[in-house]
N, C-alpha and C. Protein backbone atom coordinates (compact mmCIF):
# COMPACT_ATOMS: atom_id res chain seq x y z
N MET A 1 107.35 89.74 96.86
CA MET A 1 108.62 89.15 97.31
C MET A 1 109.77 90.04 96.85
N ARG A 2 110.66 90.36 97.79
CA ARG A 2 111.77 91.24 97.48
C ARG A 2 112.78 90.55 96.57
N MET A 3 113.27 91.29 95.59
CA MET A 3 114.26 90.76 94.66
C MET A 3 115.62 90.63 95.35
N ARG A 4 116.34 89.58 94.99
CA ARG A 4 117.70 89.42 95.50
C ARG A 4 118.56 90.59 95.03
N LYS A 5 119.41 91.07 95.91
CA LYS A 5 120.23 92.25 95.62
C LYS A 5 121.15 92.01 94.41
N LYS A 6 121.14 92.97 93.49
CA LYS A 6 121.99 92.92 92.31
C LYS A 6 123.23 93.77 92.56
N LYS A 7 124.40 93.15 92.56
CA LYS A 7 125.63 93.89 92.86
C LYS A 7 125.92 94.98 91.84
N TRP A 8 125.44 94.79 90.62
CA TRP A 8 125.73 95.74 89.55
C TRP A 8 124.81 96.96 89.60
N ALA A 9 123.73 96.88 90.38
CA ALA A 9 122.66 97.88 90.32
C ALA A 9 123.13 99.30 90.64
N GLU A 10 123.77 99.49 91.78
CA GLU A 10 124.16 100.85 92.18
C GLU A 10 125.18 101.47 91.23
N PRO A 11 126.23 100.76 90.83
CA PRO A 11 127.16 101.35 89.85
C PRO A 11 126.47 101.67 88.53
N TRP A 12 125.55 100.82 88.10
CA TRP A 12 124.84 101.05 86.84
C TRP A 12 123.99 102.32 86.94
N ILE A 13 123.31 102.48 88.06
CA ILE A 13 122.49 103.68 88.26
C ILE A 13 123.35 104.93 88.21
N GLU A 14 124.52 104.89 88.84
CA GLU A 14 125.42 106.04 88.84
C GLU A 14 125.83 106.43 87.42
N GLU A 15 125.93 105.44 86.55
CA GLU A 15 126.34 105.70 85.16
C GLU A 15 125.19 106.20 84.29
N HIS A 16 123.97 106.15 84.81
CA HIS A 16 122.80 106.51 84.00
C HIS A 16 121.93 107.54 84.71
N ARG A 17 122.57 108.53 85.30
CA ARG A 17 121.86 109.56 86.04
C ARG A 17 121.02 110.47 85.15
N ASP A 18 121.18 110.36 83.86
CA ASP A 18 120.39 111.21 82.96
C ASP A 18 118.94 110.75 82.85
N PHE A 19 118.66 109.49 83.23
CA PHE A 19 117.27 109.04 83.19
C PHE A 19 116.86 108.18 84.38
N VAL A 20 117.78 107.93 85.31
CA VAL A 20 117.44 107.23 86.55
C VAL A 20 117.79 108.16 87.71
N TYR A 21 116.77 108.54 88.47
CA TYR A 21 116.96 109.52 89.54
C TYR A 21 116.71 108.90 90.91
N GLN A 22 117.25 109.55 91.94
CA GLN A 22 116.95 109.15 93.31
C GLN A 22 116.33 110.29 94.11
N ASN A 23 116.47 111.51 93.65
CA ASN A 23 115.82 112.64 94.32
C ASN A 23 115.68 113.80 93.32
N PRO A 24 114.80 113.64 92.32
CA PRO A 24 114.73 114.60 91.20
C PRO A 24 113.95 115.87 91.52
N VAL A 25 114.32 116.56 92.58
CA VAL A 25 113.60 117.78 92.96
C VAL A 25 113.68 118.84 91.86
N GLU A 26 114.75 118.80 91.08
CA GLU A 26 114.92 119.80 90.03
C GLU A 26 113.93 119.61 88.88
N ASN A 27 113.28 118.45 88.81
CA ASN A 27 112.32 118.18 87.74
C ASN A 27 110.89 118.54 88.12
N LYS A 28 110.68 118.94 89.36
CA LYS A 28 109.33 119.26 89.82
C LYS A 28 108.70 120.34 88.95
N GLY A 29 107.54 120.02 88.41
CA GLY A 29 106.84 120.96 87.55
C GLY A 29 107.36 121.02 86.13
N LYS A 30 108.34 120.17 85.81
CA LYS A 30 108.99 120.26 84.49
C LYS A 30 108.99 118.93 83.72
N TRP A 31 108.28 117.93 84.23
CA TRP A 31 108.36 116.61 83.61
C TRP A 31 107.85 116.60 82.17
N LYS A 32 106.75 117.26 81.92
CA LYS A 32 106.21 117.27 80.56
C LYS A 32 107.14 118.01 79.60
N GLN A 33 107.74 119.06 80.10
CA GLN A 33 108.71 119.79 79.29
C GLN A 33 109.94 118.93 79.02
N LEU A 34 110.40 118.22 80.05
CA LEU A 34 111.57 117.36 79.92
C LEU A 34 111.34 116.25 78.90
N LEU A 35 110.18 115.63 78.96
CA LEU A 35 109.87 114.49 78.09
C LEU A 35 109.14 114.91 76.82
N GLN A 36 108.84 116.18 76.71
CA GLN A 36 108.20 116.74 75.51
C GLN A 36 106.90 116.00 75.16
N ARG A 37 106.08 115.82 76.17
CA ARG A 37 104.78 115.18 76.02
C ARG A 37 103.75 115.97 76.81
N GLU A 38 102.49 115.89 76.38
CA GLU A 38 101.43 116.64 77.05
C GLU A 38 100.71 115.84 78.13
N THR A 39 100.84 114.52 78.09
CA THR A 39 100.19 113.66 79.08
C THR A 39 101.25 112.93 79.90
N LEU A 40 101.12 112.99 81.23
CA LEU A 40 102.12 112.40 82.12
C LEU A 40 101.49 111.29 82.96
N HIS A 41 102.05 110.09 82.83
CA HIS A 41 101.65 108.94 83.64
C HIS A 41 102.71 108.69 84.71
N LEU A 42 102.27 108.28 85.88
CA LEU A 42 103.17 107.94 86.98
C LEU A 42 102.79 106.57 87.51
N GLU A 43 103.71 105.61 87.43
CA GLU A 43 103.48 104.30 88.03
C GLU A 43 104.26 104.23 89.34
N ILE A 44 103.57 103.90 90.41
CA ILE A 44 104.20 103.79 91.73
C ILE A 44 104.32 102.31 92.07
N GLY A 45 105.55 101.84 92.22
CA GLY A 45 105.81 100.42 92.40
C GLY A 45 106.03 99.76 91.06
N THR A 46 107.07 100.20 90.37
CA THR A 46 107.32 99.76 89.00
C THR A 46 107.80 98.32 88.91
N GLY A 47 108.40 97.81 90.00
CA GLY A 47 108.93 96.45 89.95
C GLY A 47 110.01 96.33 88.89
N LYS A 48 109.97 95.25 88.12
CA LYS A 48 110.97 95.04 87.07
C LYS A 48 110.65 95.77 85.77
N GLY A 49 109.59 96.56 85.78
CA GLY A 49 109.35 97.47 84.67
C GLY A 49 108.54 96.95 83.50
N GLY A 50 107.99 95.75 83.60
CA GLY A 50 107.25 95.20 82.47
C GLY A 50 106.09 96.07 82.04
N TYR A 51 105.35 96.59 83.02
CA TYR A 51 104.18 97.41 82.68
C TYR A 51 104.60 98.75 82.12
N LEU A 52 105.46 99.46 82.82
CA LEU A 52 105.84 100.80 82.38
C LEU A 52 106.52 100.78 81.02
N ASN A 53 107.46 99.88 80.83
CA ASN A 53 108.15 99.81 79.54
C ASN A 53 107.20 99.42 78.42
N GLY A 54 106.27 98.50 78.72
CA GLY A 54 105.31 98.10 77.71
C GLY A 54 104.34 99.21 77.35
N MET A 55 103.87 99.93 78.36
CA MET A 55 102.92 101.02 78.11
C MET A 55 103.59 102.19 77.41
N ALA A 56 104.85 102.47 77.77
CA ALA A 56 105.58 103.56 77.11
C ALA A 56 105.78 103.26 75.63
N LYS A 57 105.93 101.98 75.32
CA LYS A 57 106.07 101.58 73.92
C LYS A 57 104.73 101.63 73.20
N LEU A 58 103.66 101.24 73.92
CA LEU A 58 102.32 101.23 73.33
C LEU A 58 101.79 102.65 73.11
N TYR A 59 102.21 103.56 74.00
CA TYR A 59 101.76 104.96 73.92
C TYR A 59 102.98 105.88 73.85
N PRO A 60 103.67 105.91 72.73
CA PRO A 60 104.91 106.68 72.61
C PRO A 60 104.72 108.19 72.67
N ASN A 61 103.51 108.66 72.48
CA ASN A 61 103.26 110.10 72.51
C ASN A 61 102.88 110.60 73.90
N GLU A 62 102.98 109.72 74.90
CA GLU A 62 102.69 110.09 76.27
C GLU A 62 103.92 109.83 77.14
N ALA A 63 104.06 110.59 78.22
CA ALA A 63 105.23 110.49 79.10
C ALA A 63 104.95 109.51 80.24
N TRP A 64 105.99 108.74 80.59
CA TRP A 64 105.85 107.72 81.63
C TRP A 64 107.00 107.83 82.63
N VAL A 65 106.66 107.92 83.90
CA VAL A 65 107.66 107.95 84.97
C VAL A 65 107.32 106.85 85.97
N GLY A 66 108.31 106.05 86.33
CA GLY A 66 108.09 104.97 87.28
C GLY A 66 108.86 105.19 88.56
N ILE A 67 108.22 104.93 89.70
CA ILE A 67 108.88 105.00 91.00
C ILE A 67 108.99 103.59 91.56
N GLU A 68 110.18 103.22 92.01
CA GLU A 68 110.41 101.91 92.63
C GLU A 68 111.41 102.11 93.77
N LYS A 69 111.04 101.67 94.97
CA LYS A 69 111.93 101.90 96.12
C LYS A 69 113.05 100.88 96.22
N ASP A 70 112.87 99.70 95.63
CA ASP A 70 113.91 98.68 95.67
C ASP A 70 114.96 98.96 94.59
N ILE A 71 116.19 99.18 95.01
CA ILE A 71 117.25 99.57 94.08
C ILE A 71 117.46 98.52 92.99
N SER A 72 117.49 97.25 93.38
CA SER A 72 117.73 96.20 92.39
C SER A 72 116.61 96.11 91.36
N ALA A 73 115.36 96.12 91.83
CA ALA A 73 114.22 96.05 90.91
C ALA A 73 114.18 97.27 90.00
N GLY A 74 114.42 98.45 90.57
CA GLY A 74 114.41 99.67 89.77
C GLY A 74 115.49 99.67 88.70
N ALA A 75 116.66 99.16 89.06
CA ALA A 75 117.76 99.09 88.09
C ALA A 75 117.44 98.11 86.97
N VAL A 76 116.81 96.99 87.32
CA VAL A 76 116.41 96.01 86.30
C VAL A 76 115.41 96.65 85.33
N ALA A 77 114.44 97.39 85.87
CA ALA A 77 113.44 98.04 85.02
C ALA A 77 114.08 99.03 84.06
N ALA A 78 114.98 99.85 84.59
CA ALA A 78 115.64 100.86 83.75
C ALA A 78 116.55 100.21 82.72
N ARG A 79 117.26 99.16 83.11
CA ARG A 79 118.16 98.50 82.16
C ARG A 79 117.38 97.83 81.04
N HIS A 80 116.23 97.26 81.37
CA HIS A 80 115.38 96.69 80.33
C HIS A 80 114.96 97.75 79.33
N ALA A 81 114.68 98.95 79.84
CA ALA A 81 114.28 100.05 78.96
C ALA A 81 115.38 100.37 77.96
N VAL A 82 116.60 100.32 78.42
CA VAL A 82 117.74 100.63 77.56
C VAL A 82 118.01 99.51 76.56
N GLU A 83 118.02 98.28 77.05
CA GLU A 83 118.46 97.16 76.23
C GLU A 83 117.39 96.60 75.29
N GLU A 84 116.12 96.71 75.69
CA GLU A 84 115.08 96.00 74.94
C GLU A 84 114.08 96.89 74.22
N GLU A 85 113.84 98.10 74.73
CA GLU A 85 112.70 98.84 74.20
C GLU A 85 113.08 100.10 73.44
N ASN A 86 113.60 101.07 74.13
CA ASN A 86 113.82 102.38 73.51
C ASN A 86 115.14 102.95 74.00
N PRO A 87 116.23 102.71 73.29
CA PRO A 87 117.54 103.17 73.75
C PRO A 87 117.61 104.67 74.03
N LEU A 88 116.77 105.45 73.36
CA LEU A 88 116.81 106.90 73.56
C LEU A 88 115.98 107.35 74.75
N LEU A 89 115.13 106.45 75.26
CA LEU A 89 114.30 106.75 76.43
C LEU A 89 113.58 108.08 76.28
N GLU A 90 113.03 108.31 75.12
CA GLU A 90 112.43 109.60 74.83
C GLU A 90 111.22 109.92 75.69
N ASN A 91 110.47 108.92 76.10
CA ASN A 91 109.23 109.22 76.82
C ASN A 91 109.13 108.57 78.19
N LYS A 92 110.26 108.19 78.79
CA LYS A 92 110.17 107.60 80.13
C LYS A 92 111.40 107.89 80.97
N ARG A 93 111.16 107.89 82.28
CA ARG A 93 112.22 108.09 83.27
C ARG A 93 111.90 107.22 84.48
N PHE A 94 112.92 107.00 85.32
CA PHE A 94 112.76 106.15 86.50
C PHE A 94 113.25 106.88 87.74
N ILE A 95 112.53 106.69 88.83
CA ILE A 95 112.93 107.22 90.13
C ILE A 95 113.07 106.04 91.08
N ILE A 96 114.22 105.91 91.71
CA ILE A 96 114.44 104.83 92.67
C ILE A 96 114.50 105.46 94.05
N ALA A 97 113.36 105.44 94.73
CA ALA A 97 113.23 106.07 96.04
C ALA A 97 111.86 105.72 96.61
N ASN A 98 111.61 106.14 97.84
CA ASN A 98 110.33 105.89 98.49
C ASN A 98 109.28 106.89 98.00
N ALA A 99 108.13 106.40 97.63
CA ALA A 99 107.08 107.25 97.06
C ALA A 99 106.53 108.26 98.05
N GLU A 100 106.86 108.13 99.33
CA GLU A 100 106.39 109.11 100.31
C GLU A 100 106.92 110.51 100.01
N GLN A 101 107.94 110.60 99.18
CA GLN A 101 108.53 111.89 98.83
C GLN A 101 107.98 112.47 97.53
N LEU A 102 106.97 111.86 96.96
CA LEU A 102 106.58 112.24 95.59
C LEU A 102 106.15 113.70 95.45
N GLN A 103 105.67 114.33 96.52
CA GLN A 103 105.30 115.74 96.41
C GLN A 103 106.51 116.66 96.29
N GLU A 104 107.68 116.11 96.59
CA GLU A 104 108.91 116.88 96.39
C GLU A 104 109.34 116.82 94.93
N TRP A 105 108.81 115.87 94.18
CA TRP A 105 109.25 115.66 92.79
C TRP A 105 108.20 116.08 91.76
N PHE A 106 106.93 116.14 92.18
CA PHE A 106 105.85 116.48 91.25
C PHE A 106 105.05 117.65 91.79
N ALA A 107 104.78 118.60 90.93
CA ALA A 107 104.06 119.81 91.33
C ALA A 107 102.56 119.55 91.41
N THR A 108 101.86 120.43 92.08
CA THR A 108 100.41 120.37 92.14
C THR A 108 99.83 120.40 90.72
N GLY A 109 98.95 119.44 90.43
CA GLY A 109 98.29 119.39 89.13
C GLY A 109 99.18 119.01 87.97
N GLU A 110 100.25 118.26 88.22
CA GLU A 110 101.20 117.94 87.14
C GLU A 110 100.95 116.58 86.49
N VAL A 111 100.41 115.62 87.22
CA VAL A 111 100.29 114.24 86.74
C VAL A 111 98.87 113.96 86.24
N ASP A 112 98.77 113.32 85.10
CA ASP A 112 97.46 113.01 84.52
C ASP A 112 96.88 111.69 85.02
N VAL A 113 97.72 110.67 85.11
CA VAL A 113 97.25 109.35 85.55
C VAL A 113 98.28 108.73 86.49
N ILE A 114 97.80 108.18 87.60
CA ILE A 114 98.65 107.43 88.53
C ILE A 114 98.26 105.95 88.43
N HIS A 115 99.26 105.09 88.26
CA HIS A 115 99.03 103.65 88.14
C HIS A 115 99.55 102.93 89.38
N LEU A 116 98.69 102.12 90.00
CA LEU A 116 99.07 101.28 91.13
C LEU A 116 98.84 99.83 90.72
N ASN A 117 99.90 99.11 90.42
CA ASN A 117 99.78 97.74 89.93
C ASN A 117 100.33 96.73 90.92
N PHE A 118 99.44 95.92 91.49
CA PHE A 118 99.84 94.82 92.36
C PHE A 118 100.76 95.30 93.49
N SER A 119 100.30 96.35 94.14
CA SER A 119 101.04 96.93 95.25
C SER A 119 101.07 95.96 96.43
N ASP A 120 102.04 96.14 97.30
CA ASP A 120 102.14 95.33 98.52
C ASP A 120 100.85 95.49 99.31
N PRO A 121 100.15 94.38 99.65
CA PRO A 121 98.87 94.49 100.36
C PRO A 121 99.00 94.82 101.85
N TRP A 122 100.20 94.69 102.39
CA TRP A 122 100.40 94.95 103.83
C TRP A 122 99.21 94.41 104.62
N PRO A 123 99.08 93.07 104.71
CA PRO A 123 97.88 92.47 105.29
C PRO A 123 97.65 92.73 106.79
N LYS A 124 98.72 92.92 107.56
CA LYS A 124 98.54 93.16 109.00
C LYS A 124 97.92 94.54 109.22
N LYS A 125 96.93 94.59 110.09
CA LYS A 125 96.19 95.83 110.30
C LYS A 125 97.09 96.99 110.69
N GLY A 126 98.12 96.71 111.48
CA GLY A 126 99.03 97.76 111.91
C GLY A 126 99.83 98.37 110.78
N ASN A 127 99.87 97.68 109.63
CA ASN A 127 100.63 98.18 108.48
C ASN A 127 99.75 98.77 107.38
N HIS A 128 98.44 98.82 107.60
CA HIS A 128 97.54 99.30 106.55
C HIS A 128 97.86 100.73 106.11
N LYS A 129 98.38 101.53 107.01
CA LYS A 129 98.70 102.92 106.66
C LYS A 129 99.85 102.99 105.65
N ARG A 130 100.57 101.88 105.45
CA ARG A 130 101.66 101.85 104.48
C ARG A 130 101.18 101.50 103.07
N ARG A 131 99.93 101.10 102.96
CA ARG A 131 99.38 100.76 101.64
C ARG A 131 99.39 101.98 100.73
N LEU A 132 99.66 101.76 99.46
CA LEU A 132 99.71 102.87 98.50
C LEU A 132 98.34 103.46 98.20
N SER A 133 97.28 102.81 98.69
CA SER A 133 95.94 103.35 98.53
C SER A 133 95.39 103.91 99.84
N SER A 134 96.24 104.02 100.86
CA SER A 134 95.80 104.54 102.16
C SER A 134 95.53 106.04 102.08
N ALA A 135 94.87 106.55 103.10
CA ALA A 135 94.47 107.97 103.11
C ALA A 135 95.67 108.90 102.96
N LYS A 136 96.79 108.53 103.58
CA LYS A 136 97.99 109.38 103.49
C LYS A 136 98.42 109.57 102.04
N PHE A 137 98.46 108.49 101.30
CA PHE A 137 98.88 108.57 99.90
C PHE A 137 97.80 109.22 99.03
N LEU A 138 96.54 108.95 99.32
CA LEU A 138 95.48 109.55 98.52
C LEU A 138 95.52 111.07 98.59
N GLY A 139 95.90 111.60 99.74
CA GLY A 139 96.05 113.05 99.85
C GLY A 139 97.15 113.58 98.94
N MET A 140 98.24 112.84 98.84
CA MET A 140 99.34 113.23 97.95
C MET A 140 98.90 113.15 96.49
N TYR A 141 98.20 112.06 96.15
CA TYR A 141 97.76 111.88 94.77
C TYR A 141 96.81 113.01 94.36
N ARG A 142 95.89 113.34 95.25
CA ARG A 142 94.95 114.42 94.95
C ARG A 142 95.69 115.71 94.60
N ASP A 143 96.76 115.97 95.32
CA ASP A 143 97.53 117.20 95.11
C ASP A 143 98.22 117.22 93.75
N ILE A 144 98.85 116.12 93.36
CA ILE A 144 99.66 116.15 92.13
C ILE A 144 98.87 115.85 90.87
N LEU A 145 97.64 115.34 91.01
CA LEU A 145 96.83 115.04 89.83
C LEU A 145 96.29 116.32 89.18
N THR A 146 96.14 116.28 87.87
CA THR A 146 95.53 117.38 87.14
C THR A 146 94.04 117.46 87.48
N GLU A 147 93.40 118.49 87.00
CA GLU A 147 91.96 118.69 87.26
C GLU A 147 91.14 117.48 86.83
N ASP A 148 91.50 116.86 85.73
CA ASP A 148 90.78 115.68 85.23
C ASP A 148 91.57 114.39 85.46
N GLY A 149 92.59 114.45 86.30
CA GLY A 149 93.44 113.28 86.53
C GLY A 149 92.74 112.20 87.34
N TYR A 150 93.28 110.98 87.26
CA TYR A 150 92.67 109.87 87.97
C TYR A 150 93.71 108.80 88.31
N ILE A 151 93.28 107.83 89.11
CA ILE A 151 94.13 106.72 89.56
C ILE A 151 93.60 105.43 88.96
N ARG A 152 94.51 104.59 88.46
CA ARG A 152 94.16 103.25 87.98
C ARG A 152 94.84 102.24 88.89
N MET A 153 94.07 101.32 89.43
CA MET A 153 94.60 100.34 90.36
C MET A 153 94.23 98.93 89.92
N LYS A 154 95.20 98.02 89.98
CA LYS A 154 94.96 96.60 89.73
C LYS A 154 95.62 95.80 90.85
N THR A 155 94.95 94.72 91.26
CA THR A 155 95.51 93.86 92.29
C THR A 155 94.87 92.47 92.19
N ASP A 156 95.57 91.48 92.72
CA ASP A 156 95.01 90.14 92.83
C ASP A 156 94.46 89.91 94.23
N ASN A 157 94.68 90.87 95.13
CA ASN A 157 94.35 90.70 96.55
C ASN A 157 92.96 91.26 96.85
N LYS A 158 92.03 90.37 97.12
CA LYS A 158 90.64 90.78 97.33
C LYS A 158 90.50 91.71 98.53
N ASP A 159 91.18 91.39 99.63
CA ASP A 159 91.07 92.22 100.83
C ASP A 159 91.60 93.63 100.57
N LEU A 160 92.74 93.72 99.90
CA LEU A 160 93.29 95.04 99.58
C LEU A 160 92.33 95.81 98.68
N PHE A 161 91.75 95.12 97.72
CA PHE A 161 90.84 95.79 96.79
C PHE A 161 89.61 96.32 97.52
N GLU A 162 89.00 95.47 98.34
CA GLU A 162 87.80 95.90 99.06
C GLU A 162 88.10 97.04 100.02
N ASP A 163 89.22 96.95 100.72
CA ASP A 163 89.61 98.03 101.62
C ASP A 163 89.88 99.31 100.84
N SER A 164 90.52 99.17 99.68
CA SER A 164 90.87 100.34 98.88
C SER A 164 89.63 101.06 98.36
N VAL A 165 88.61 100.29 98.00
CA VAL A 165 87.35 100.91 97.57
C VAL A 165 86.84 101.83 98.68
N LEU A 166 86.90 101.35 99.92
CA LEU A 166 86.47 102.17 101.06
C LEU A 166 87.37 103.39 101.23
N TYR A 167 88.69 103.18 101.09
CA TYR A 167 89.62 104.31 101.23
C TYR A 167 89.27 105.41 100.24
N PHE A 168 89.04 105.03 99.00
CA PHE A 168 88.72 106.02 97.97
C PHE A 168 87.43 106.76 98.30
N LEU A 169 86.40 106.02 98.65
CA LEU A 169 85.11 106.65 98.92
C LEU A 169 85.17 107.53 100.17
N GLN A 170 85.88 107.06 101.20
CA GLN A 170 85.99 107.83 102.43
C GLN A 170 86.81 109.10 102.26
N ASN A 171 87.65 109.13 101.23
CA ASN A 171 88.51 110.28 101.00
C ASN A 171 88.07 111.11 99.80
N ASP A 172 86.79 111.03 99.49
CA ASP A 172 86.16 111.91 98.50
C ASP A 172 86.68 111.68 97.07
N PHE A 173 86.76 110.40 96.71
CA PHE A 173 87.06 110.02 95.33
C PHE A 173 85.82 109.36 94.73
N THR A 174 85.65 109.48 93.44
CA THR A 174 84.57 108.82 92.72
C THR A 174 85.14 107.66 91.92
N LEU A 175 84.50 106.49 92.00
CA LEU A 175 84.93 105.34 91.21
C LEU A 175 84.32 105.44 89.82
N THR A 176 85.16 105.51 88.81
CA THR A 176 84.68 105.62 87.43
C THR A 176 84.75 104.29 86.69
N GLU A 177 85.54 103.35 87.20
CA GLU A 177 85.59 101.98 86.69
C GLU A 177 85.72 101.04 87.87
N PHE A 178 85.16 99.83 87.73
CA PHE A 178 85.19 98.86 88.82
C PHE A 178 85.00 97.48 88.23
N SER A 179 85.93 96.56 88.51
CA SER A 179 85.81 95.20 87.98
C SER A 179 86.41 94.21 88.96
N VAL A 180 85.72 93.09 89.17
CA VAL A 180 86.25 92.02 90.02
C VAL A 180 86.82 90.89 89.17
N ASP A 181 86.84 91.07 87.86
CA ASP A 181 87.44 90.07 86.96
C ASP A 181 87.87 90.79 85.68
N PHE A 182 88.84 91.67 85.83
CA PHE A 182 89.23 92.60 84.77
C PHE A 182 89.65 91.90 83.48
N ARG A 183 90.35 90.78 83.59
CA ARG A 183 90.87 90.09 82.41
C ARG A 183 89.90 89.08 81.82
N ARG A 184 88.68 89.10 82.31
CA ARG A 184 87.67 88.22 81.69
C ARG A 184 87.47 88.62 80.23
N LYS A 185 87.61 89.92 79.98
CA LYS A 185 87.58 90.44 78.61
C LYS A 185 88.98 90.87 78.21
N GLU A 186 89.23 90.90 76.93
CA GLU A 186 90.53 91.34 76.45
C GLU A 186 90.66 92.85 76.61
N HIS A 187 91.84 93.28 77.07
CA HIS A 187 92.12 94.71 77.23
C HIS A 187 93.46 95.00 76.56
N ALA A 188 93.41 95.12 75.25
CA ALA A 188 94.64 95.35 74.49
C ALA A 188 95.27 96.68 74.81
N GLU A 189 94.48 97.59 75.39
CA GLU A 189 95.00 98.92 75.72
C GLU A 189 95.83 98.93 77.00
N ASP A 190 95.86 97.79 77.69
CA ASP A 190 96.51 97.73 79.00
C ASP A 190 97.49 96.56 79.04
N VAL A 191 98.77 96.85 79.17
CA VAL A 191 99.81 95.82 79.19
C VAL A 191 99.72 95.00 80.48
N MET A 192 99.92 93.71 80.37
CA MET A 192 99.89 92.84 81.54
C MET A 192 101.23 92.89 82.27
N THR A 193 101.19 93.04 83.59
CA THR A 193 102.41 93.05 84.39
C THR A 193 102.94 91.63 84.58
N GLU A 194 104.16 91.53 85.12
CA GLU A 194 104.74 90.22 85.41
C GLU A 194 103.85 89.44 86.38
N TYR A 195 103.40 90.13 87.44
CA TYR A 195 102.53 89.49 88.43
C TYR A 195 101.21 89.06 87.80
N GLU A 196 100.66 89.92 86.98
CA GLU A 196 99.36 89.64 86.37
C GLU A 196 99.41 88.39 85.50
N THR A 197 100.47 88.25 84.73
CA THR A 197 100.63 87.07 83.89
C THR A 197 100.65 85.81 84.75
N ARG A 198 101.39 85.88 85.85
CA ARG A 198 101.50 84.73 86.75
C ARG A 198 100.14 84.38 87.36
N PHE A 199 99.41 85.39 87.82
CA PHE A 199 98.12 85.14 88.45
C PHE A 199 97.09 84.62 87.45
N MET A 200 97.17 85.11 86.22
CA MET A 200 96.25 84.64 85.20
C MET A 200 96.46 83.16 84.92
N GLU A 201 97.72 82.73 84.93
CA GLU A 201 98.03 81.33 84.71
C GLU A 201 97.47 80.45 85.82
N LEU A 202 97.32 81.02 87.01
CA LEU A 202 96.77 80.29 88.15
C LEU A 202 95.25 80.41 88.24
N GLY A 203 94.66 81.12 87.29
CA GLY A 203 93.22 81.29 87.30
C GLY A 203 92.72 82.29 88.33
N GLN A 204 93.60 83.14 88.79
CA GLN A 204 93.26 84.13 89.82
C GLN A 204 92.60 85.35 89.18
N PRO A 205 91.45 85.80 89.71
CA PRO A 205 90.83 87.01 89.15
C PRO A 205 91.65 88.25 89.43
N ILE A 206 91.58 89.20 88.52
CA ILE A 206 92.28 90.47 88.68
C ILE A 206 91.24 91.54 88.99
N TYR A 207 91.44 92.23 90.10
CA TYR A 207 90.54 93.30 90.51
C TYR A 207 91.08 94.63 89.99
N GLN A 208 90.18 95.47 89.50
CA GLN A 208 90.62 96.73 88.88
C GLN A 208 89.62 97.84 89.16
N LEU A 209 90.16 99.04 89.33
CA LEU A 209 89.28 100.20 89.46
C LEU A 209 90.00 101.45 88.95
N CYS A 210 89.20 102.44 88.62
CA CYS A 210 89.70 103.79 88.35
C CYS A 210 88.98 104.73 89.30
N ALA A 211 89.71 105.65 89.89
CA ALA A 211 89.14 106.57 90.86
C ALA A 211 89.59 107.99 90.56
N LYS A 212 88.66 108.90 90.67
CA LYS A 212 88.93 110.30 90.36
C LYS A 212 88.58 111.16 91.57
N PRO A 213 89.49 112.04 92.00
CA PRO A 213 89.17 112.89 93.15
C PRO A 213 88.06 113.88 92.83
N CYS A 214 87.13 114.03 93.75
CA CYS A 214 86.08 115.03 93.57
C CYS A 214 86.71 116.41 93.74
N ARG A 215 86.40 117.30 92.84
CA ARG A 215 86.92 118.67 92.89
C ARG A 215 85.77 119.61 93.22
N HIS A 216 85.78 120.13 94.43
CA HIS A 216 84.70 121.02 94.87
C HIS A 216 85.06 122.46 94.57
N LYS A 217 84.21 123.12 93.86
CA LYS A 217 84.45 124.52 93.48
C LYS A 217 84.22 125.44 94.69
C-alpha cells in the first residue's frame, strides 16, 4: 500500500543530499570506498527503512544502501536513520529512485548481497515483468553482484515466491537457502521488517530464499 504523501519529504531530501541521493552516478564503483567498508549490501524496496536501519546497526562493519522509489517512504527511512539510529550515517546511504536504473549507480561486481523484502507481488500476469525477481532484474543483479555475491528474498506471498523460484532457476541461479516458514525458528541475525512483524501477528508464514548466480568459466 502506497504511503500518503509527506509534504516535508522533498524539502528534507534537498537538505540532506550528502546521504540521500536521486541519481548517484558519481558513486558508481566507489560505494565501498565512500562508506569505508569491505562488504556492500543493497536493499531494493526499502520502504520505511526498518530493515535497512536495523541491519546497519546490527552489522556496523558492513555497508548498507537502500533504494526506494516512493519519495515519502524513502524520506521517512532516511529521517529515521538520522533521528533514531546513527546520526553520522557512517555505514548507510539511501537512493530515492526507480531500481531500473541501478546499473547506472553500481559497477559490475560491486555489490555483495542484494535484499528483496516483501516486494510488490504484481499479481496480474501482465505486470509480472515489473516484479523485482523477474528476468529483467535478475540480469541486472547478476551484473552488479560480486563473484560470490547472492540475493536474499523474503515474502508473505506464496504465488510470488513460487514464481520467483522458477525465475531464478530459469535464469541460471542456484538456490542456496529455501524456506516456506522462515520464522518458525528464531533468526537473530536477520531483522524483521515492518511487514514481517504484521504478518507474523496474523500467523502468516514467511517464505525465504537465497539465490546465487551460476558463474561459468
